[in-house]
Every structure is written in structure tokens, then in C-alpha cells.
Amino acid sequence: MTSKTETGGVTGTKDRDYNLIWYVEACLDNALRMETYIKDAERSNDTEVLELFRKAQADSRKGGELGKELLRSRLGG
């Protein structure tokens, strides 16, 4: 953020909406990243790490879905 008072003048998107968009992108990006880590753990037969990464991926997907629902309601779609 450029300042403590940025409310969309720079980006054209209010902070609350921008922050929510960022959150959704971060969750979905993490779900994709976890797929790589899951495959690595599978190749290593590391079931503990595999379980952790699968849970992290599920949590990231859930966060992405919750964020998308909230975005839809706020942005009118």
C-alpha cells in the first residue's frame, strides 16, 4: 500500500475490494503451489508431509471459494 489513507485513488479499486481480490488470488495461487509440493511428497513416499500439504491445499481452496462468494455479493455478480 502506498499510504495509510489509500482508498482506491491509485488503483481505482477501494482497499476493501482490492484486499479481498488479493486474498482470493493468494488462496488460489497457494492451492496451485501445494499441488507441486503434493507431487514431491508422493514421489518421496512421505505420507506425513503429503497429508499436511493436502490439508493446506483444501484450506486454500476453501478460502478461495469463501472469498469468491463474498466478492460476488459485494461486486454485484
PDB file of N, CA and C in Angstrom:
ATOM      1  N   MET A   1       0.840  -1.168   0.000  1.00  0.00           N
ATOM      2  CA  MET A   1       0.000   0.000   0.000  1.00  0.00           C
ATOM      3  C   MET A   1       0.887   1.234   0.000  1.00  0.00           C
ATOM      4  N   THR A   2       0.470   2.245  -0.712  1.00  0.00           N
ATOM      5  CA  THR A   2       1.308   3.439  -0.816  1.00  0.00           C
ATOM      6  C   THR A   2       1.205   4.339   0.395  1.00  0.00           C
ATOM      7  N   SER A   3       0.074   4.346   1.085  1.00  0.00           N
ATOM      8  CA  SER A   3      -0.064   5.148   2.291  1.00  0.00           C
ATOM      9  C   SER A   3      -1.178   4.564   3.151  1.00  0.00           C
ATOM     10  N   LYS A   4      -1.301   5.086   4.351  1.00  0.00           N
ATOM     11  CA  LYS A   4      -2.339   4.595   5.257  1.00  0.00           C
ATOM     12  C   LYS A   4      -3.720   5.107   4.856  1.00  0.00           C
ATOM     13  N   THR A   5      -3.790   6.036   3.924  1.00  0.00           N
ATOM     14  CA  THR A   5      -5.081   6.585   3.529  1.00  0.00           C
ATOM     15  C   THR A   5      -5.493   6.184   2.121  1.00  0.00           C
ATOM     16  N   GLU A   6      -4.769   5.290   1.480  1.00  0.00           N
ATOM     17  CA  GLU A   6      -5.121   4.846   0.130  1.00  0.00           C
ATOM     18  C   GLU A   6      -6.502   4.203   0.153  1.00  0.00           C
ATOM     19  N   THR A   7      -7.413   4.710  -0.650  1.00  0.00           N
ATOM     20  CA  THR A   7      -8.770   4.147  -0.716  1.00  0.00           C
ATOM     21  C   THR A   7      -9.189   3.910  -2.155  1.00  0.00           C
ATOM     22  N   GLY A   8      -8.217   3.693  -3.014  1.00  0.00           N
ATOM     23  CA  GLY A   8      -8.530   3.379  -4.392  1.00  0.00           C
ATOM     24  C   GLY A   8      -8.146   4.454  -5.382  1.00  0.00           C
ATOM     25  N   GLY A   9      -7.604   5.536  -4.914  1.00  0.00           N
ATOM     26  CA  GLY A   9      -7.200   6.597  -5.833  1.00  0.00           C
ATOM     27  C   GLY A   9      -6.102   6.165  -6.787  1.00  0.00           C
ATOM     28  N   VAL A  10      -5.214   5.341  -6.330  1.00  0.00           N
ATOM     29  CA  VAL A  10      -4.106   4.870  -7.156  1.00  0.00           C
ATOM     30  C   VAL A  10      -4.541   3.706  -8.044  1.00  0.00           C
ATOM     31  N   THR A  11      -5.241   2.738  -7.462  1.00  0.00           N
ATOM     32  CA  THR A  11      -5.600   1.528  -8.201  1.00  0.00           C
ATOM     33  C   THR A  11      -6.950   1.617  -8.896  1.00  0.00           C
ATOM     34  N   GLY A  12      -7.802   2.511  -8.453  1.00  0.00           N
ATOM     35  CA  GLY A  12      -9.152   2.573  -8.990  1.00  0.00           C
ATOM     36  C   GLY A  12     -10.079   1.565  -8.330  1.00  0.00           C
ATOM     37  N   THR A  13      -9.591   0.884  -7.303  1.00  0.00           N
ATOM     38  CA  THR A  13     -10.369  -0.124  -6.576  1.00  0.00           C
ATOM     39  C   THR A  13     -10.242   0.155  -5.088  1.00  0.00           C
ATOM     40  N   LYS A  14     -11.372   0.273  -4.409  1.00  0.00           N
ATOM     41  CA  LYS A  14     -11.339   0.543  -2.972  1.00  0.00           C
ATOM     42  C   LYS A  14     -10.517  -0.517  -2.250  1.00  0.00           C
ATOM     43  N   ASP A  15      -9.852  -0.098  -1.177  1.00  0.00           N
ATOM     44  CA  ASP A  15      -8.991  -1.007  -0.418  1.00  0.00           C
ATOM     45  C   ASP A  15      -9.706  -2.291  -0.027  1.00  0.00           C
ATOM     46  N   ARG A  16     -10.920  -2.188   0.477  1.00  0.00           N
ATOM     47  CA  ARG A  16     -11.616  -3.393   0.959  1.00  0.00           C
ATOM     48  C   ARG A  16     -11.826  -4.385  -0.175  1.00  0.00           C
ATOM     49  N   ASP A  17     -12.139  -3.898  -1.372  1.00  0.00           N
ATOM     50  CA  ASP A  17     -12.309  -4.778  -2.525  1.00  0.00           C
ATOM     51  C   ASP A  17     -10.962  -5.292  -3.018  1.00  0.00           C
ATOM     52  N   TYR A  18      -9.990  -4.403  -3.085  1.00  0.00           N
ATOM     53  CA  TYR A  18      -8.648  -4.802  -3.516  1.00  0.00           C
ATOM     54  C   TYR A  18      -8.099  -5.877  -2.595  1.00  0.00           C
ATOM     55  N   ASN A  19      -8.233  -5.683  -1.295  1.00  0.00           N
ATOM     56  CA  ASN A  19      -7.718  -6.648  -0.317  1.00  0.00           C
ATOM     57  C   ASN A  19      -8.400  -8.002  -0.480  1.00  0.00           C
ATOM     58  N   LEU A  20      -9.687  -7.993  -0.745  1.00  0.00           N
ATOM     59  CA  LEU A  20     -10.416  -9.237  -0.940  1.00  0.00           C
ATOM     60  C   LEU A  20      -9.982  -9.932  -2.230  1.00  0.00           C
ATOM     61  N   ILE A  21      -9.791  -9.164  -3.280  1.00  0.00           N
ATOM     62  CA  ILE A  21      -9.290  -9.718  -4.545  1.00  0.00           C
ATOM     63  C   ILE A  21      -7.912 -10.331  -4.328  1.00  0.00           C
ATOM     64  N   TRP A  22      -7.049  -9.620  -3.616  1.00  0.00           N
ATOM     65  CA  TRP A  22      -5.710 -10.137  -3.325  1.00  0.00           C
ATOM     66  C   TRP A  22      -5.803 -11.450  -2.547  1.00  0.00           C
ATOM     67  N   TYR A  23      -6.687 -11.492  -1.556  1.00  0.00           N
ATOM     68  CA  TYR A  23      -6.834 -12.683  -0.728  1.00  0.00           C
ATOM     69  C   TYR A  23      -7.243 -13.895  -1.576  1.00  0.00           C
ATOM     70  N   VAL A  24      -8.219 -13.705  -2.449  1.00  0.00           N
ATOM     71  CA  VAL A  24      -8.669 -14.805  -3.311  1.00  0.00           C
ATOM     72  C   VAL A  24      -7.520 -15.284  -4.182  1.00  0.00           C
ATOM     73  N   GLU A  25      -6.800 -14.353  -4.791  1.00  0.00           N
ATOM     74  CA  GLU A  25      -5.675 -14.730  -5.657  1.00  0.00           C
ATOM     75  C   GLU A  25      -4.622 -15.483  -4.864  1.00  0.00           C
ATOM     76  N   ALA A  26      -4.317 -15.031  -3.652  1.00  0.00           N
ATOM     77  CA  ALA A  26      -3.301 -15.686  -2.827  1.00  0.00           C
ATOM     78  C   ALA A  26      -3.737 -17.105  -2.450  1.00  0.00           C
ATOM     79  N   CYS A  27      -5.006 -17.282  -2.108  1.00  0.00           N
ATOM     80  CA  CYS A  27      -5.508 -18.623  -1.769  1.00  0.00           C
ATOM     81  C   CYS A  27      -5.410 -19.559  -2.967  1.00  0.00           C
ATOM     82  N   LEU A  28      -5.855 -19.095  -4.133  1.00  0.00           N
ATOM     83  CA  LEU A  28      -5.846 -19.955  -5.314  1.00  0.00           C
ATOM     84  C   LEU A  28      -4.421 -20.249  -5.767  1.00  0.00           C
ATOM     85  N   ASP A  29      -3.549 -19.256  -5.663  1.00  0.00           N
ATOM     86  CA  ASP A  29      -2.144 -19.469  -6.002  1.00  0.00           C
ATOM     87  C   ASP A  29      -1.523 -20.507  -5.067  1.00  0.00           C
ATOM     88  N   ASN A  30      -1.869 -20.435  -3.794  1.00  0.00           N
ATOM     89  CA  ASN A  30      -1.336 -21.401  -2.842  1.00  0.00           C
ATOM     90  C   ASN A  30      -1.850 -22.810  -3.137  1.00  0.00           C
ATOM     91  N   ALA A  31      -3.109 -22.929  -3.542  1.00  0.00           N
ATOM     92  CA  ALA A  31      -3.649 -24.244  -3.907  1.00  0.00           C
ATOM     93  C   ALA A  31      -2.858 -24.839  -5.067  1.00  0.00           C
ATOM     94  N   LEU A  32      -2.499 -24.015  -6.036  1.00  0.00           N
ATOM     95  CA  LEU A  32      -1.677 -24.485  -7.161  1.00  0.00           C
ATOM     96  C   LEU A  32      -0.283 -24.894  -6.696  1.00  0.00           C
ATOM     97  N   ARG A  33       0.313 -24.085  -5.845  1.00  0.00           N
ATOM     98  CA  ARG A  33       1.656 -24.376  -5.325  1.00  0.00           C
ATOM     99  C   ARG A  33       1.657 -25.684  -4.540  1.00  0.00           C
ATOM    100  N   MET A  34       0.619 -25.903  -3.757  1.00  0.00           N
ATOM    101  CA  MET A  34       0.531 -27.131  -2.971  1.00  0.00           C
ATOM    102  C   MET A  34       0.492 -28.363  -3.874  1.00  0.00           C
ATOM    103  N   GLU A  35      -0.061 -28.242  -5.073  1.00  0.00           N
ATOM    104  CA  GLU A  35      -0.098 -29.376  -5.996  1.00  0.00           C
ATOM    105  C   GLU A  35       1.315 -29.849  -6.324  1.00  0.00           C
ATOM    106  N   THR A  36       2.229 -28.920  -6.526  1.00  0.00           N
ATOM    107  CA  THR A  36       3.631 -29.272  -6.779  1.00  0.00           C
ATOM    108  C   THR A  36       4.233 -29.969  -5.567  1.00  0.00           C
ATOM    109  N   TYR A  37       3.964 -29.418  -4.390  1.00  0.00           N
ATOM    110  CA  TYR A  37       4.517 -29.992  -3.170  1.00  0.00           C
ATOM    111  C   TYR A  37       3.924 -31.370  -2.887  1.00  0.00           C
ATOM    112  N   ILE A  38       2.642 -31.553  -3.211  1.00  0.00           N
ATOM    113  CA  ILE A  38       1.987 -32.845  -3.040  1.00  0.00           C
ATOM    114  C   ILE A  38       2.670 -33.892  -3.915  1.00  0.00           C
ATOM    115  N   LYS A  39       2.924 -33.538  -5.162  1.00  0.00           N
ATOM    116  CA  LYS A  39       3.583 -34.474  -6.080  1.00  0.00           C
ATOM    117  C   LYS A  39       4.990 -34.822  -5.586  1.00  0.00           C
ATOM    118  N   ASP A  40       5.714 -33.836  -5.060  1.00  0.00           N
ATOM    119  CA  ASP A  40       7.042 -34.095  -4.498  1.00  0.00           C
ATOM    120  C   ASP A  40       6.955 -35.071  -3.322  1.00  0.00           C
ATOM    121  N   ALA A  41       5.980 -34.854  -2.444  1.00  0.00           N
ATOM    122  CA  ALA A  41       5.818 -35.730  -1.277  1.00  0.00           C
ATOM    123  C   ALA A  41       5.416 -37.137  -1.710  1.00  0.00           C
ATOM    124  N   GLU A  42       4.579 -37.231  -2.747  1.00  0.00           N
ATOM    125  CA  GLU A  42       4.203 -38.553  -3.266  1.00  0.00           C
ATOM    126  C   GLU A  42       5.419 -39.292  -3.797  1.00  0.00           C
ATOM    127  N   ARG A  43       6.258 -38.592  -4.551  1.00  0.00           N
ATOM    128  CA  ARG A  43       7.471 -39.226  -5.097  1.00  0.00           C
ATOM    129  C   ARG A  43       8.399 -39.694  -3.986  1.00  0.00           C
ATOM    130  N   SER A  44       8.404 -38.975  -2.877  1.00  0.00           N
ATOM    131  CA  SER A  44       9.274 -39.320  -1.743  1.00  0.00           C
ATOM    132  C   SER A  44       8.626 -40.310  -0.788  1.00  0.00           C
ATOM    133  N   ASN A  45       7.380 -40.669  -1.060  1.00  0.00           N
ATOM    134  CA  ASN A  45       6.623 -41.548  -0.158  1.00  0.00           C
ATOM    135  C   ASN A  45       6.595 -41.018   1.269  1.00  0.00           C
ATOM    136  N   ASP A  46       6.479 -39.690   1.396  1.00  0.00           N
ATOM    137  CA  ASP A  46       6.438 -39.038   2.707  1.00  0.00           C
ATOM    138  C   ASP A  46       4.979 -38.745   3.059  1.00  0.00           C
ATOM    139  N   THR A  47       4.334 -39.705   3.714  1.00  0.00           N
ATOM    140  CA  THR A  47       2.900 -39.589   3.964  1.00  0.00           C
ATOM    141  C   THR A  47       2.545 -38.470   4.939  1.00  0.00           C
ATOM    142  N   GLU A  48       3.423 -38.193   5.884  1.00  0.00           N
ATOM    143  CA  GLU A  48       3.135 -37.106   6.836  1.00  0.00           C
ATOM    144  C   GLU A  48       3.086 -35.760   6.132  1.00  0.00           C
ATOM    145  N   VAL A  49       4.084 -35.502   5.311  1.00  0.00           N
ATOM    146  CA  VAL A  49       4.134 -34.234   4.579  1.00  0.00           C
ATOM    147  C   VAL A  49       3.012 -34.186   3.539  1.00  0.00           C
ATOM    148  N   LEU A  50       2.756 -35.308   2.903  1.00  0.00           N
ATOM    149  CA  LEU A  50       1.680 -35.388   1.920  1.00  0.00           C
ATOM    150  C   LEU A  50       0.346 -35.007   2.552  1.00  0.00           C
ATOM    151  N   GLU A  51       0.076 -35.537   3.722  1.00  0.00           N
ATOM    152  CA  GLU A  51      -1.166 -35.228   4.432  1.00  0.00           C
ATOM    153  C   GLU A  51      -1.238 -33.733   4.765  1.00  0.00           C
ATOM    154  N   LEU A  52      -0.135 -33.188   5.237  1.00  0.00           N
ATOM    155  CA  LEU A  52      -0.089 -31.761   5.561  1.00  0.00           C
ATOM    156  C   LEU A  52      -0.391 -30.903   4.334  1.00  0.00           C
ATOM    157  N   PHE A  53       0.256 -31.196   3.213  1.00  0.00           N
ATOM    158  CA  PHE A  53       0.077 -30.395   2.014  1.00  0.00           C
ATOM    159  C   PHE A  53      -1.332 -30.553   1.423  1.00  0.00           C
ATOM    160  N   ARG A  54      -1.895 -31.746   1.538  1.00  0.00           N
ATOM    161  CA  ARG A  54      -3.274 -31.926   1.063  1.00  0.00           C
ATOM    162  C   ARG A  54      -4.243 -31.102   1.898  1.00  0.00           C
ATOM    163  N   LYS A  55      -4.010 -31.074   3.213  1.00  0.00           N
ATOM    164  CA  LYS A  55      -4.860 -30.266   4.089  1.00  0.00           C
ATOM    165  C   LYS A  55      -4.684 -28.785   3.753  1.00  0.00           C
ATOM    166  N   ALA A  56      -3.447 -28.361   3.557  1.00  0.00           N
ATOM    167  CA  ALA A  56      -3.187 -26.957   3.218  1.00  0.00           C
ATOM    168  C   ALA A  56      -3.867 -26.586   1.900  1.00  0.00           C
ATOM    169  N   GLN A  57      -3.829 -27.495   0.930  1.00  0.00           N
ATOM    170  CA  GLN A  57      -4.467 -27.241  -0.351  1.00  0.00           C
ATOM    171  C   GLN A  57      -5.983 -27.125  -0.180  1.00  0.00           C
ATOM    172  N   ALA A  58      -6.565 -28.010   0.599  1.00  0.00           N
ATOM    173  CA  ALA A  58      -8.012 -27.955   0.841  1.00  0.00           C
ATOM    174  C   ALA A  58      -8.390 -26.648   1.545  1.00  0.00           C
ATOM    175  N   ASP A  59      -7.594 -26.249   2.520  1.00  0.00           N
ATOM    176  CA  ASP A  59      -7.854 -24.994   3.227  1.00  0.00           C
ATOM    177  C   ASP A  59      -7.746 -23.800   2.276  1.00  0.00           C
ATOM    178  N   SER A  60      -6.760 -23.831   1.395  1.00  0.00           N
ATOM    179  CA  SER A  60      -6.589 -22.736   0.434  1.00  0.00           C
ATOM    180  C   SER A  60      -7.763 -22.673  -0.545  1.00  0.00           C
ATOM    181  N   ARG A  61      -8.198 -23.840  -1.001  1.00  0.00           N
ATOM    182  CA  ARG A  61      -9.373 -23.875  -1.891  1.00  0.00           C
ATOM    183  C   ARG A  61     -10.592 -23.305  -1.183  1.00  0.00           C
ATOM    184  N   LYS A  62     -10.776 -23.698   0.079  1.00  0.00           N
ATOM    185  CA  LYS A  62     -11.920 -23.209   0.851  1.00  0.00           C
ATOM    186  C   LYS A  62     -11.849 -21.696   1.005  1.00  0.00           C
ATOM    187  N   GLY A  63     -10.681 -21.176   1.335  1.00  0.00           N
ATOM    188  CA  GLY A  63     -10.514 -19.727   1.451  1.00  0.00           C
ATOM    189  C   GLY A  63     -10.814 -19.026   0.142  1.00  0.00           C
ATOM    190  N   GLY A  64     -10.346 -19.600  -0.956  1.00  0.00           N
ATOM    191  CA  GLY A  64     -10.618 -19.021  -2.269  1.00  0.00           C
ATOM    192  C   GLY A  64     -12.100 -18.998  -2.575  1.00  0.00           C
ATOM    193  N   GLU A  65     -12.795 -20.085  -2.268  1.00  0.00           N
ATOM    194  CA  GLU A  65     -14.236 -20.157  -2.530  1.00  0.00           C
ATOM    195  C   GLU A  65     -15.009 -19.171  -1.663  1.00  0.00           C
ATOM    196  N   LEU A  66     -14.657 -19.095  -0.378  1.00  0.00           N
ATOM    197  CA  LEU A  66     -15.330 -18.139   0.504  1.00  0.00           C
ATOM    198  C   LEU A  66     -15.092 -16.709   0.036  1.00  0.00           C
ATOM    199  N   GLY A  67     -13.871 -16.423  -0.371  1.00  0.00           N
ATOM    200  CA  GLY A  67     -13.553 -15.085  -0.876  1.00  0.00           C
ATOM    201  C   GLY A  67     -14.297 -14.762  -2.157  1.00  0.00           C
ATOM    202  N   LYS A  68     -14.402 -15.743  -3.060  1.00  0.00           N
ATOM    203  CA  LYS A  68     -15.130 -15.515  -4.314  1.00  0.00           C
ATOM    204  C   LYS A  68     -16.607 -15.248  -4.047  1.00  0.00           C
ATOM    205  N   GLU A  69     -17.193 -15.981  -3.099  1.00  0.00           N
ATOM    206  CA  GLU A  69     -18.598 -15.738  -2.747  1.00  0.00           C
ATOM    207  C   GLU A  69     -18.790 -14.318  -2.239  1.00  0.00           C
ATOM    208  N   LEU A  70     -17.903 -13.879  -1.373  1.00  0.00           N
ATOM    209  CA  LEU A  70     -18.003 -12.533  -0.821  1.00  0.00           C
ATOM    210  C   LEU A  70     -17.795 -11.481  -1.914  1.00  0.00           C
ATOM    211  N   LEU A  71     -16.853 -11.716  -2.790  1.00  0.00           N
ATOM    212  CA  LEU A  71     -16.632 -10.787  -3.914  1.00  0.00           C
ATOM    213  C   LEU A  71     -17.871 -10.682  -4.782  1.00  0.00           C
ATOM    214  N   ARG A  72     -18.479 -11.823  -5.113  1.00  0.00           N
ATOM    215  CA  ARG A  72     -19.690 -11.817  -5.929  1.00  0.00           C
ATOM    216  C   ARG A  72     -20.772 -10.964  -5.295  1.00  0.00           C
ATOM    217  N   SER A  73     -20.964 -11.142  -3.998  1.00  0.00           N
ATOM    218  CA  SER A  73     -22.025 -10.391  -3.321  1.00  0.00           C
ATOM    219  C   SER A  73     -21.713  -8.899  -3.265  1.00  0.00           C
ATOM    220  N   ARG A  74     -20.451  -8.559  -3.096  1.00  0.00           N
ATOM    221  CA  ARG A  74     -20.075  -7.142  -2.985  1.00  0.00           C
ATOM    222  C   ARG A  74     -19.988  -6.433  -4.324  1.00  0.00           C
ATOM    223  N   LEU A  75     -19.614  -7.177  -5.356  1.00  0.00           N
ATOM    224  CA  LEU A  75     -19.437  -6.547  -6.666  1.00  0.00           C
ATOM    225  C   LEU A  75     -20.654  -6.739  -7.561  1.00  0.00           C
ATOM    226  N   GLY A  76     -21.696  -7.319  -6.994  1.00  0.00           N
ATOM    227  CA  GLY A  76     -22.967  -7.401  -7.711  1.00  0.00           C
ATOM    228  C   GLY A  76     -23.046  -8.442  -8.788  1.00  0.00           C
ATOM    229  N   GLY A  77     -22.354  -9.559  -8.638  1.00  0.00           N
ATOM    230  CA  GLY A  77     -22.393 -10.579  -9.672  1.00  0.00           C
ATOM    231  C   GLY A  77     -22.637 -11.886  -9.097  1.00  0.00           C
TER     232      GLY A  77
END
